[in-house]
Amino acid sequence: PSVNLTLLLAVVKFDAFEWAIEKATELGVGTI
């Protein structure tokens, strides 16, 4: 990746949080 992405993500209900970090991974995030 040409851009180093970091996601600061507030904890929400776990099904939504886990879906979000899965998609963030697919979209190239380097740190969560």
PDB file of all heavy atoms in Angstrom:
ATOM      1  N   PRO A   1       0.832  -1.213   0.000  1.00  0.00           N
ATOM      2  CA  PRO A   1       0.000   0.000   0.000  1.00  0.00           C
ATOM      3  C   PRO A   1       0.859   1.252   0.000  1.00  0.00           C
ATOM      4  O   PRO A   1       1.908   1.304   0.651  1.00  0.00           O
ATOM      5  CB  PRO A   1      -0.812  -0.124   1.288  1.00  0.00           C
ATOM      6  CG  PRO A   1      -0.038  -1.072   2.148  1.00  0.00           C
ATOM      7  CD  PRO A   1       0.644  -2.020   1.219  1.00  0.00           C
ATOM      8  N   SER A   2       0.428   2.255  -0.745  1.00  0.00           N
ATOM      9  CA  SER A   2       1.172   3.512  -0.808  1.00  0.00           C
ATOM     10  C   SER A   2       0.828   4.436   0.355  1.00  0.00           C
ATOM     11  O   SER A   2       1.529   5.418   0.598  1.00  0.00           O
ATOM     12  CB  SER A   2       0.870   4.228  -2.130  1.00  0.00           C
ATOM     13  OG  SER A   2      -0.522   4.476  -2.265  1.00  0.00           O
ATOM     14  N   VAL A   3      -0.247   4.127   1.079  1.00  0.00           N
ATOM     15  CA  VAL A   3      -0.662   4.930   2.224  1.00  0.00           C
ATOM     16  C   VAL A   3      -0.767   4.033   3.453  1.00  0.00           C
ATOM     17  O   VAL A   3      -1.392   2.974   3.414  1.00  0.00           O
ATOM     18  CB  VAL A   3      -2.029   5.609   1.967  1.00  0.00           C
ATOM     19  CG1 VAL A   3      -2.439   6.437   3.176  1.00  0.00           C
ATOM     20  CG2 VAL A   3      -1.968   6.482   0.725  1.00  0.00           C
ATOM     21  N   ASN A   4      -0.144   4.461   4.531  1.00  0.00           N
ATOM     22  CA  ASN A   4      -0.211   3.726   5.796  1.00  0.00           C
ATOM     23  C   ASN A   4      -1.435   4.201   6.566  1.00  0.00           C
ATOM     24  O   ASN A   4      -1.469   5.324   7.065  1.00  0.00           O
ATOM     25  CB  ASN A   4       1.066   3.959   6.609  1.00  0.00           C
ATOM     26  CG  ASN A   4       1.060   3.193   7.914  1.00  0.00           C
ATOM     27  OD1 ASN A   4       0.295   2.235   8.090  1.00  0.00           O
ATOM     28  ND2 ASN A   4       1.873   3.618   8.854  1.00  0.00           N
ATOM     29  N   LEU A   5      -2.458   3.349   6.652  1.00  0.00           N
ATOM     30  CA  LEU A   5      -3.729   3.726   7.275  1.00  0.00           C
ATOM     31  C   LEU A   5      -3.842   3.171   8.696  1.00  0.00           C
ATOM     32  O   LEU A   5      -3.583   1.989   8.934  1.00  0.00           O
ATOM     33  CB  LEU A   5      -4.903   3.199   6.450  1.00  0.00           C
ATOM     34  CG  LEU A   5      -5.116   3.802   5.060  1.00  0.00           C
ATOM     35  CD1 LEU A   5      -6.215   3.047   4.334  1.00  0.00           C
ATOM     36  CD2 LEU A   5      -5.465   5.277   5.172  1.00  0.00           C
ATOM     37  N   THR A   6      -4.238   4.037   9.619  1.00  0.00           N
ATOM     38  CA  THR A   6      -4.510   3.637  11.001  1.00  0.00           C
ATOM     39  C   THR A   6      -5.963   3.968  11.316  1.00  0.00           C
ATOM     40  O   THR A   6      -6.429   5.066  11.027  1.00  0.00           O
ATOM     41  CB  THR A   6      -3.597   4.373  11.981  1.00  0.00           C
ATOM     42  OG1 THR A   6      -2.232   4.011  11.727  1.00  0.00           O
ATOM     43  CG2 THR A   6      -3.940   4.021  13.424  1.00  0.00           C
ATOM     44  N   LEU A   7      -6.664   3.007  11.896  1.00  0.00           N
ATOM     45  CA  LEU A   7      -8.067   3.199  12.255  1.00  0.00           C
ATOM     46  C   LEU A   7      -8.219   3.216  13.766  1.00  0.00           C
ATOM     47  O   LEU A   7      -7.893   2.240  14.449  1.00  0.00           O
ATOM     48  CB  LEU A   7      -8.918   2.071  11.657  1.00  0.00           C
ATOM     49  CG  LEU A   7     -10.406   2.063  12.031  1.00  0.00           C
ATOM     50  CD1 LEU A   7     -11.112   3.315  11.509  1.00  0.00           C
ATOM     51  CD2 LEU A   7     -11.084   0.797  11.494  1.00  0.00           C
ATOM     52  N   LEU A   8      -8.689   4.349  14.293  1.00  0.00           N
ATOM     53  CA  LEU A   8      -9.042   4.458  15.699  1.00  0.00           C
ATOM     54  C   LEU A   8     -10.551   4.267  15.783  1.00  0.00           C
ATOM     55  O   LEU A   8     -11.315   5.145  15.385  1.00  0.00           O
ATOM     56  CB  LEU A   8      -8.646   5.832  16.257  1.00  0.00           C
ATOM     57  CG  LEU A   8      -7.226   6.329  15.967  1.00  0.00           C
ATOM     58  CD1 LEU A   8      -7.002   7.695  16.615  1.00  0.00           C
ATOM     59  CD2 LEU A   8      -6.185   5.329  16.437  1.00  0.00           C
ATOM     60  N   LEU A   9     -10.976   3.117  16.282  1.00  0.00           N
ATOM     61  CA  LEU A   9     -12.385   2.742  16.193  1.00  0.00           C
ATOM     62  C   LEU A   9     -12.985   2.499  17.564  1.00  0.00           C
ATOM     63  O   LEU A   9     -12.535   1.610  18.302  1.00  0.00           O
ATOM     64  CB  LEU A   9     -12.528   1.481  15.336  1.00  0.00           C
ATOM     65  CG  LEU A   9     -13.940   0.950  15.127  1.00  0.00           C
ATOM     66  CD1 LEU A   9     -14.833   1.986  14.442  1.00  0.00           C
ATOM     67  CD2 LEU A   9     -13.912  -0.346  14.324  1.00  0.00           C
ATOM     68  N   ALA A  10     -14.010   3.283  17.903  1.00  0.00           N
ATOM     69  CA  ALA A  10     -14.689   3.100  19.178  1.00  0.00           C
ATOM     70  C   ALA A  10     -15.347   1.726  19.241  1.00  0.00           C
ATOM     71  O   ALA A  10     -15.893   1.228  18.251  1.00  0.00           O
ATOM     72  CB  ALA A  10     -15.739   4.195  19.378  1.00  0.00           C
ATOM     73  N   VAL A  11     -15.278   1.112  20.399  1.00  0.00           N
ATOM     74  CA  VAL A  11     -15.900  -0.202  20.592  1.00  0.00           C
ATOM     75  C   VAL A  11     -17.413  -0.048  20.554  1.00  0.00           C
ATOM     76  O   VAL A  11     -17.993   0.779  21.264  1.00  0.00           O
ATOM     77  CB  VAL A  11     -15.454  -0.818  21.929  1.00  0.00           C
ATOM     78  CG1 VAL A  11     -16.237  -2.106  22.214  1.00  0.00           C
ATOM     79  CG2 VAL A  11     -13.955  -1.102  21.901  1.00  0.00           C
ATOM     80  N   VAL A  12     -18.039  -0.850  19.686  1.00  0.00           N
ATOM     81  CA  VAL A  12     -19.495  -0.906  19.584  1.00  0.00           C
ATOM     82  C   VAL A  12     -19.909  -2.368  19.749  1.00  0.00           C
ATOM     83  O   VAL A  12     -19.072  -3.223  20.041  1.00  0.00           O
ATOM     84  CB  VAL A  12     -19.988  -0.336  18.230  1.00  0.00           C
ATOM     85  CG1 VAL A  12     -19.714   1.159  18.150  1.00  0.00           C
ATOM     86  CG2 VAL A  12     -19.331  -1.065  17.051  1.00  0.00           C
ATOM     87  N   LYS A  13     -21.170  -2.673  19.557  1.00  0.00           N
ATOM     88  CA  LYS A  13     -21.613  -4.061  19.681  1.00  0.00           C
ATOM     89  C   LYS A  13     -20.722  -4.959  18.840  1.00  0.00           C
ATOM     90  O   LYS A  13     -20.386  -4.639  17.715  1.00  0.00           O
ATOM     91  CB  LYS A  13     -23.076  -4.181  19.255  1.00  0.00           C
ATOM     92  CG  LYS A  13     -24.033  -3.477  20.221  1.00  0.00           C
ATOM     93  CD  LYS A  13     -25.483  -3.610  19.791  1.00  0.00           C
ATOM     94  CE  LYS A  13     -26.402  -2.919  20.783  1.00  0.00           C
ATOM     95  NZ  LYS A  13     -27.832  -3.005  20.378  1.00  0.00           N
ATOM     96  N   PHE A  14     -20.361  -6.106  19.419  1.00  0.00           N
ATOM     97  CA  PHE A  14     -19.272  -6.886  18.852  1.00  0.00           C
ATOM     98  C   PHE A  14     -19.531  -7.380  17.428  1.00  0.00           C
ATOM     99  O   PHE A  14     -18.595  -7.495  16.627  1.00  0.00           O
ATOM    100  CB  PHE A  14     -18.931  -8.066  19.764  1.00  0.00           C
ATOM    101  CG  PHE A  14     -18.223  -7.660  21.027  1.00  0.00           C
ATOM    102  CD1 PHE A  14     -18.437  -8.340  22.201  1.00  0.00           C
ATOM    103  CD2 PHE A  14     -17.347  -6.587  21.037  1.00  0.00           C
ATOM    104  CE1 PHE A  14     -17.784  -7.972  23.374  1.00  0.00           C
ATOM    105  CE2 PHE A  14     -16.688  -6.201  22.197  1.00  0.00           C
ATOM    106  CZ  PHE A  14     -16.912  -6.906  23.370  1.00  0.00           C
ATOM    107  N   ASP A  15     -20.789  -7.688  17.073  1.00  0.00           N
ATOM    108  CA  ASP A  15     -21.028  -8.143  15.706  1.00  0.00           C
ATOM    109  C   ASP A  15     -20.712  -7.033  14.705  1.00  0.00           C
ATOM    110  O   ASP A  15     -20.098  -7.271  13.657  1.00  0.00           O
ATOM    111  CB  ASP A  15     -22.459  -8.653  15.529  1.00  0.00           C
ATOM    112  CG  ASP A  15     -23.510  -7.615  15.902  1.00  0.00           C
ATOM    113  OD1 ASP A  15     -23.175  -6.615  16.574  1.00  0.00           O
ATOM    114  OD2 ASP A  15     -24.680  -7.811  15.506  1.00  0.00           O
ATOM    115  N   ALA A  16     -21.077  -5.805  15.046  1.00  0.00           N
ATOM    116  CA  ALA A  16     -20.784  -4.666  14.179  1.00  0.00           C
ATOM    117  C   ALA A  16     -19.293  -4.345  14.184  1.00  0.00           C
ATOM    118  O   ALA A  16     -18.700  -4.053  13.135  1.00  0.00           O
ATOM    119  CB  ALA A  16     -21.588  -3.445  14.616  1.00  0.00           C
ATOM    120  N   PHE A  17     -18.669  -4.390  15.353  1.00  0.00           N
ATOM    121  CA  PHE A  17     -17.239  -4.086  15.459  1.00  0.00           C
ATOM    122  C   PHE A  17     -16.422  -5.094  14.659  1.00  0.00           C
ATOM    123  O   PHE A  17     -15.488  -4.721  13.927  1.00  0.00           O
ATOM    124  CB  PHE A  17     -16.815  -4.105  16.926  1.00  0.00           C
ATOM    125  CG  PHE A  17     -15.403  -3.659  17.165  1.00  0.00           C
ATOM    126  CD1 PHE A  17     -15.113  -2.319  17.349  1.00  0.00           C
ATOM    127  CD2 PHE A  17     -14.366  -4.573  17.204  1.00  0.00           C
ATOM    128  CE1 PHE A  17     -13.813  -1.890  17.570  1.00  0.00           C
ATOM    129  CE2 PHE A  17     -13.063  -4.164  17.425  1.00  0.00           C
ATOM    130  CZ  PHE A  17     -12.778  -2.820  17.607  1.00  0.00           C
ATOM    131  N   GLU A  18     -16.766  -6.358  14.770  1.00  0.00           N
ATOM    132  CA  GLU A  18     -16.003  -7.389  14.069  1.00  0.00           C
ATOM    133  C   GLU A  18     -16.202  -7.310  12.564  1.00  0.00           C
ATOM    134  O   GLU A  18     -15.268  -7.534  11.788  1.00  0.00           O
ATOM    135  CB  GLU A  18     -16.387  -8.764  14.622  1.00  0.00           C
ATOM    136  CG  GLU A  18     -15.892  -8.941  16.060  1.00  0.00           C
ATOM    137  CD  GLU A  18     -16.412 -10.174  16.750  1.00  0.00           C
ATOM    138  OE1 GLU A  18     -17.209 -10.925  16.126  1.00  0.00           O
ATOM    139  OE2 GLU A  18     -16.046 -10.397  17.922  1.00  0.00           O
ATOM    140  N   TRP A  19     -17.399  -6.985  12.132  1.00  0.00           N
ATOM    141  CA  TRP A  19     -17.630  -6.773  10.695  1.00  0.00           C
ATOM    142  C   TRP A  19     -16.790  -5.593  10.215  1.00  0.00           C
ATOM    143  O   TRP A  19     -16.193  -5.638   9.139  1.00  0.00           O
ATOM    144  CB  TRP A  19     -19.111  -6.523  10.448  1.00  0.00           C
ATOM    145  CG  TRP A  19     -19.513  -6.507   9.009  1.00  0.00           C
ATOM    146  CD1 TRP A  19     -19.953  -7.567   8.270  1.00  0.00           C
ATOM    147  CD2 TRP A  19     -19.539  -5.363   8.129  1.00  0.00           C
ATOM    148  NE1 TRP A  19     -20.235  -7.159   6.979  1.00  0.00           N
ATOM    149  CE2 TRP A  19     -19.990  -5.820   6.867  1.00  0.00           C
ATOM    150  CE3 TRP A  19     -19.218  -4.019   8.288  1.00  0.00           C
ATOM    151  CZ2 TRP A  19     -20.126  -4.966   5.775  1.00  0.00           C
ATOM    152  CZ3 TRP A  19     -19.344  -3.170   7.191  1.00  0.00           C
ATOM    153  CH2 TRP A  19     -19.795  -3.647   5.950  1.00  0.00           C
ATOM    154  N   ALA A  20     -16.730  -4.536  11.023  1.00  0.00           N
ATOM    155  CA  ALA A  20     -15.992  -3.329  10.640  1.00  0.00           C
ATOM    156  C   ALA A  20     -14.495  -3.601  10.513  1.00  0.00           C
ATOM    157  O   ALA A  20     -13.857  -3.150   9.556  1.00  0.00           O
ATOM    158  CB  ALA A  20     -16.245  -2.219  11.658  1.00  0.00           C
ATOM    159  N   ILE A  21     -13.899  -4.334  11.464  1.00  0.00           N
ATOM    160  CA  ILE A  21     -12.461  -4.569  11.378  1.00  0.00           C
ATOM    161  C   ILE A  21     -12.125  -5.547  10.249  1.00  0.00           C
ATOM    162  O   ILE A  21     -11.038  -5.484   9.666  1.00  0.00           O
ATOM    163  CB  ILE A  21     -11.868  -5.041  12.721  1.00  0.00           C
ATOM    164  CG1 ILE A  21     -12.445  -6.387  13.157  1.00  0.00           C
ATOM    165  CG2 ILE A  21     -12.092  -3.983  13.794  1.00  0.00           C
ATOM    166  CD1 ILE A  21     -11.753  -6.962  14.400  1.00  0.00           C
ATOM    167  N   GLU A  22     -13.056  -6.448   9.932  1.00  0.00           N
ATOM    168  CA  GLU A  22     -12.853  -7.335   8.783  1.00  0.00           C
ATOM    169  C   GLU A  22     -12.788  -6.519   7.496  1.00  0.00           C
ATOM    170  O   GLU A  22     -11.874  -6.698   6.678  1.00  0.00           O
ATOM    171  CB  GLU A  22     -13.993  -8.351   8.701  1.00  0.00           C
ATOM    172  CG  GLU A  22     -13.909  -9.272   7.491  1.00  0.00           C
ATOM    173  CD  GLU A  22     -15.131 -10.155   7.376  1.00  0.00           C
ATOM    174  OE1 GLU A  22     -16.164  -9.677   6.864  1.00  0.00           O
ATOM    175  OE2 GLU A  22     -15.043 -11.323   7.810  1.00  0.00           O
ATOM    176  N   LYS A  23     -13.744  -5.609   7.302  1.00  0.00           N
ATOM    177  CA  LYS A  23     -13.770  -4.794   6.087  1.00  0.00           C
ATOM    178  C   LYS A  23     -12.613  -3.791   6.062  1.00  0.00           C
ATOM    179  O   LYS A  23     -12.065  -3.492   4.995  1.00  0.00           O
ATOM    180  CB  LYS A  23     -15.106  -4.068   5.955  1.00  0.00           C
ATOM    181  CG  LYS A  23     -16.310  -5.004   5.919  1.00  0.00           C
ATOM    182  CD  LYS A  23     -16.101  -6.139   4.933  1.00  0.00           C
ATOM    183  CE  LYS A  23     -17.193  -7.200   5.060  1.00  0.00           C
ATOM    184  NZ  LYS A  23     -16.898  -8.413   4.258  1.00  0.00           N
ATOM    185  N   ALA A  24     -12.229  -3.278   7.233  1.00  0.00           N
ATOM    186  CA  ALA A  24     -11.083  -2.382   7.295  1.00  0.00           C
ATOM    187  C   ALA A  24      -9.821  -3.097   6.835  1.00  0.00           C
ATOM    188  O   ALA A  24      -8.965  -2.509   6.158  1.00  0.00           O
ATOM    189  CB  ALA A  24     -10.907  -1.853   8.716  1.00  0.00           C
ATOM    190  N   THR A  25      -9.697  -4.359   7.189  1.00  0.00           N
ATOM    191  CA  THR A  25      -8.552  -5.149   6.742  1.00  0.00           C
ATOM    192  C   THR A  25      -8.551  -5.289   5.227  1.00  0.00           C
ATOM    193  O   THR A  25      -7.520  -5.109   4.566  1.00  0.00           O
ATOM    194  CB  THR A  25      -8.585  -6.540   7.397  1.00  0.00           C
ATOM    195  OG1 THR A  25      -8.518  -6.380   8.813  1.00  0.00           O
ATOM    196  CG2 THR A  25      -7.426  -7.398   6.929  1.00  0.00           C
ATOM    197  N   GLU A  26      -9.711  -5.590   4.666  1.00  0.00           N
ATOM    198  CA  GLU A  26      -9.811  -5.720   3.214  1.00  0.00           C
ATOM    199  C   GLU A  26      -9.472  -4.410   2.508  1.00  0.00           C
ATOM    200  O   GLU A  26      -8.968  -4.413   1.379  1.00  0.00           O
ATOM    201  CB  GLU A  26     -11.218  -6.177   2.827  1.00  0.00           C
ATOM    202  CG  GLU A  26     -11.570  -7.580   3.310  1.00  0.00           C
ATOM    203  CD  GLU A  26     -13.005  -7.961   2.976  1.00  0.00           C
ATOM    204  OE1 GLU A  26     -13.579  -7.373   2.050  1.00  0.00           O
ATOM    205  OE2 GLU A  26     -13.555  -8.844   3.652  1.00  0.00           O
ATOM    206  N   LEU A  27      -9.739  -3.286   3.169  1.00  0.00           N
ATOM    207  CA  LEU A  27      -9.499  -1.968   2.578  1.00  0.00           C
ATOM    208  C   LEU A  27      -8.102  -1.429   2.877  1.00  0.00           C
ATOM    209  O   LEU A  27      -7.803  -0.280   2.569  1.00  0.00           O
ATOM    210  CB  LEU A  27     -10.564  -0.980   3.066  1.00  0.00           C
ATOM    211  CG  LEU A  27     -11.955  -1.200   2.447  1.00  0.00           C
ATOM    212  CD1 LEU A  27     -13.021  -0.450   3.230  1.00  0.00           C
ATOM    213  CD2 LEU A  27     -11.967  -0.758   0.986  1.00  0.00           C
ATOM    214  N   GLY A  28      -7.235  -2.253   3.473  1.00  0.00           N
ATOM    215  CA  GLY A  28      -5.826  -1.904   3.563  1.00  0.00           C
ATOM    216  C   GLY A  28      -5.344  -1.265   4.838  1.00  0.00           C
ATOM    217  O   GLY A  28      -4.208  -0.785   4.897  1.00  0.00           O
ATOM    218  N   VAL A  29      -6.150  -1.239   5.895  1.00  0.00           N
ATOM    219  CA  VAL A  29      -5.711  -0.635   7.151  1.00  0.00           C
ATOM    220  C   VAL A  29      -4.511  -1.395   7.707  1.00  0.00           C
ATOM    221  O   VAL A  29      -4.481  -2.625   7.708  1.00  0.00           O
ATOM    222  CB  VAL A  29      -6.866  -0.619   8.172  1.00  0.00           C
ATOM    223  CG1 VAL A  29      -6.351  -0.410   9.586  1.00  0.00           C
ATOM    224  CG2 VAL A  29      -7.856   0.478   7.822  1.00  0.00           C
ATOM    225  N   GLY A  30      -3.520  -0.637   8.201  1.00  0.00           N
ATOM    226  CA  GLY A  30      -2.324  -1.261   8.741  1.00  0.00           C
ATOM    227  C   GLY A  30      -2.363  -1.461  10.240  1.00  0.00           C
ATOM    228  O   GLY A  30      -1.733  -2.376  10.769  1.00  0.00           O
ATOM    229  N   THR A  31      -3.096  -0.586  10.954  1.00  0.00           N
ATOM    230  CA  THR A  31      -3.192  -0.672  12.412  1.00  0.00           C
ATOM    231  C   THR A  31      -4.616  -0.342  12.840  1.00  0.00           C
ATOM    232  O   THR A  31      -5.224   0.596  12.308  1.00  0.00           O
ATOM    233  CB  THR A  31      -2.225   0.303  13.099  1.00  0.00           C
ATOM    234  OG1 THR A  31      -0.881   0.025  12.682  1.00  0.00           O
ATOM    235  CG2 THR A  31      -2.308   0.190  14.615  1.00  0.00           C
ATOM    236  N   ILE A  32      -5.141  -1.113  13.795  1.00  0.00           N
ATOM    237  CA  ILE A  32      -6.469  -0.864  14.358  1.00  0.00           C
ATOM    238  C   ILE A  32      -6.330  -0.669  15.856  1.00  0.00           C
ATOM    239  O   ILE A  32      -5.730  -1.506  16.546  1.00  0.00           O
ATOM    240  CB  ILE A  32      -7.430  -2.025  14.054  1.00  0.00           C
ATOM    241  CG1 ILE A  32      -7.634  -2.172  12.535  1.00  0.00           C
ATOM    242  CG2 ILE A  32      -8.771  -1.817  14.755  1.00  0.00           C
ATOM    243  CD1 ILE A  32      -8.409  -3.398  12.132  1.00  0.00           C
TER     244      ILE A  32
END
